């Protein structure tokens, strides 16, 4: 009899469109250097991390973002635990100083 394979279920999907202040890219990457490994401690995954250039867009009606993230977390509780982790909170000033604005969209797999 074959082994039972259980598919991983990722219940929360997030798309984050980030607009970084000009000249603050290095600060933003310092934040990511803390946040991404920490996110993984809470079961989060970076499904895609895009740094698109203008040639990558077929059309756009708004300003082009600096970076686009597609993320997943197993639960709201794990996402909240990541967001409130003291290490993330301590480094949040890097994001606050470098990110001018962000668009966060929560969705589901279809």
Protein backbone atom coordinates (compact mmCIF):
# COMPACT_ATOMS: atom_id res chain seq x y z
CA UNK A 1 0.00 0.00 0.00
CA UNK A 2 1.37 3.46 -0.92
CA UNK A 3 2.09 6.25 1.51
CA UNK A 4 -0.66 8.73 2.25
CA UNK A 5 0.26 12.17 0.91
CA UNK A 6 -1.39 15.12 2.61
CA UNK A 7 -1.29 18.38 0.69
CA UNK A 8 -0.23 21.49 2.57
CA UNK A 9 -3.08 23.92 3.07
CA UNK A 10 -2.23 27.62 2.96
CA UNK A 11 -5.31 29.43 4.07
CA UNK A 12 -4.17 33.04 3.79
CA UNK A 13 -2.74 34.58 0.66
CA UNK A 14 -1.43 38.14 0.64
CA UNK A 15 -0.30 40.33 -2.20
CA UNK A 16 1.77 43.32 -1.16
CA UNK A 17 2.54 46.05 -3.69
CA UNK A 18 5.29 48.27 -2.29
CA UNK A 19 6.27 51.81 -3.19
CA UNK A 20 9.71 52.56 -1.76
CA UNK A 21 11.02 56.08 -1.26
CA UNK A 22 13.72 56.98 -3.77
CA UNK A 23 17.15 56.48 -2.22
CA UNK A 24 15.77 54.30 0.62
CA UNK A 25 16.00 50.95 -1.14
CA UNK A 26 18.86 49.73 1.08
CA UNK A 27 16.83 50.43 4.24
CA UNK A 28 13.93 48.50 2.75
CA UNK A 29 16.19 45.52 2.04
CA UNK A 30 17.54 45.67 5.60
CA UNK A 31 13.95 45.29 6.82
CA UNK A 32 13.35 42.38 4.44
CA UNK A 33 16.54 40.70 5.71
CA UNK A 34 14.89 40.57 9.14
CA UNK A 35 11.25 40.07 8.15
CA UNK A 36 11.50 37.28 5.59
CA UNK A 37 13.36 34.72 7.74
CA UNK A 38 11.19 35.68 10.71
CA UNK A 39 8.03 35.19 8.68
CA UNK A 40 9.17 31.67 7.88
CA UNK A 41 9.39 30.92 11.62
CA UNK A 42 5.63 31.48 11.75
CA UNK A 43 4.89 29.25 8.77
CA UNK A 44 4.80 32.10 6.27
CA UNK A 45 6.16 31.64 2.78
CA UNK A 46 7.27 34.03 0.08
CA UNK A 47 5.66 32.47 -2.97
CA UNK A 48 6.92 35.17 -5.32
CA UNK A 49 9.04 38.26 -4.75
CA UNK A 50 9.16 40.48 -7.81
CA UNK A 51 11.34 43.47 -8.60
CA UNK A 52 9.74 44.36 -11.93
CA UNK A 53 11.07 46.92 -14.36
CA UNK A 54 8.93 49.06 -16.63
CA UNK A 55 9.26 46.58 -19.53
CA UNK A 56 7.45 43.92 -17.47
CA UNK A 57 4.13 45.81 -17.52
CA UNK A 58 1.64 45.34 -20.31
CA UNK A 59 -0.37 48.28 -18.99
CA UNK A 60 -0.59 50.38 -15.85
CA UNK A 61 -2.87 53.23 -14.85
CA UNK A 62 -1.00 54.02 -11.64
CA UNK A 63 2.59 54.55 -10.54
CA UNK A 64 4.71 51.43 -10.92
CA UNK A 65 5.67 49.73 -7.64
CA UNK A 66 9.22 49.04 -6.53
CA UNK A 67 8.53 45.47 -5.42
CA UNK A 68 5.61 43.02 -5.36
CA UNK A 69 5.29 40.15 -2.88
CA UNK A 70 2.97 37.14 -2.99
CA UNK A 71 2.90 35.59 0.49
CA UNK A 72 1.04 32.86 2.32
CA UNK A 73 0.40 32.01 5.98
CA UNK A 74 -1.32 28.94 7.40
CA UNK A 75 -3.65 30.97 9.65
CA UNK A 76 -4.64 34.43 10.83
CA UNK A 77 -3.10 33.58 14.19
CA UNK A 78 0.30 32.85 12.68
CA UNK A 79 0.16 36.02 10.59
CA UNK A 80 -0.71 38.06 13.68
CA UNK A 81 2.06 36.39 15.70
CA UNK A 82 4.55 37.33 12.98
CA UNK A 83 3.30 40.91 12.83
CA UNK A 84 3.59 41.34 16.61
CA UNK A 85 6.90 39.52 17.06
CA UNK A 86 9.25 41.84 19.02
CA UNK A 87 12.04 41.34 16.46
CA UNK A 88 9.77 42.54 13.65
CA UNK A 89 8.43 45.41 15.74
CA UNK A 90 12.01 46.44 16.60
CA UNK A 91 12.96 46.60 12.92
CA UNK A 92 9.69 48.19 11.72
CA UNK A 93 11.31 51.64 11.68
CA UNK A 94 13.32 50.46 8.64
CA UNK A 95 10.10 49.77 6.77
CA UNK A 96 8.47 52.98 8.02
CA UNK A 97 11.44 55.05 6.81
CA UNK A 98 11.75 53.34 3.45
CA UNK A 99 8.21 52.52 2.29
CA UNK A 100 6.19 55.50 1.12
CA UNK A 101 3.03 53.45 0.63
CA UNK A 102 1.85 49.90 0.17
CA UNK A 103 -1.21 48.14 -1.14
CA UNK A 104 -2.09 44.92 0.68
CA UNK A 105 -4.64 42.54 -0.79
CA UNK A 106 -5.80 39.38 0.97
CA UNK A 107 -7.18 36.61 -1.19
CA UNK A 108 -7.77 32.91 -1.56
CA UNK A 109 -6.60 30.19 -3.93
CA UNK A 110 -9.18 29.28 -6.57
